[in-house]
């Protein structure tokens, strides 16, 4: 008997969006063949924009992708601030906005993904055709020291356009 598991769920899709802009003294840098924006001092920021496609149904993953420039002792971790604003056309740019401090284990020169799904998966969920701005920053007192590469979104698509 054939499994029907694929008939129950739409296809899974992924998209990576590189960082696009810097502020507060941060700037473009390279590490080997990777290029991104360094965030390694107070008030430095990296920005990117995403658009959720028309076939978006549910969010599976949303992750900031970076390469730490420093290794931090176990238990200490690296902390950065992530802000996400999202909304549809003809809505205010910050119709839905959330900011959180995110901590993670940092090992120098290791490509690292930090889960930020909780910034868009609360009471107001990300929807098809939303525009989403992501700001990654180092607030005063935080210890962010990384090359920001971008963000990766993984979602389940609608099986049919009319779904």
Foldseek 3Di string as FASTA:
>chain_A
DDDCVPVVFFDKDKDWWWWDDKDDPWDWDDDVNAIFIWAFDAPIKIKTKDWAALQFDFWDFKWWKWAAQDFDDPPPFFKKKKKKAKDAPPDPRRPDIDMDIFGDGHDHGDIDIGTPLVSAPDPHHDDHGMMMMMMIHHHPPGGGTIGTTTMMTMGTGHNDSVD
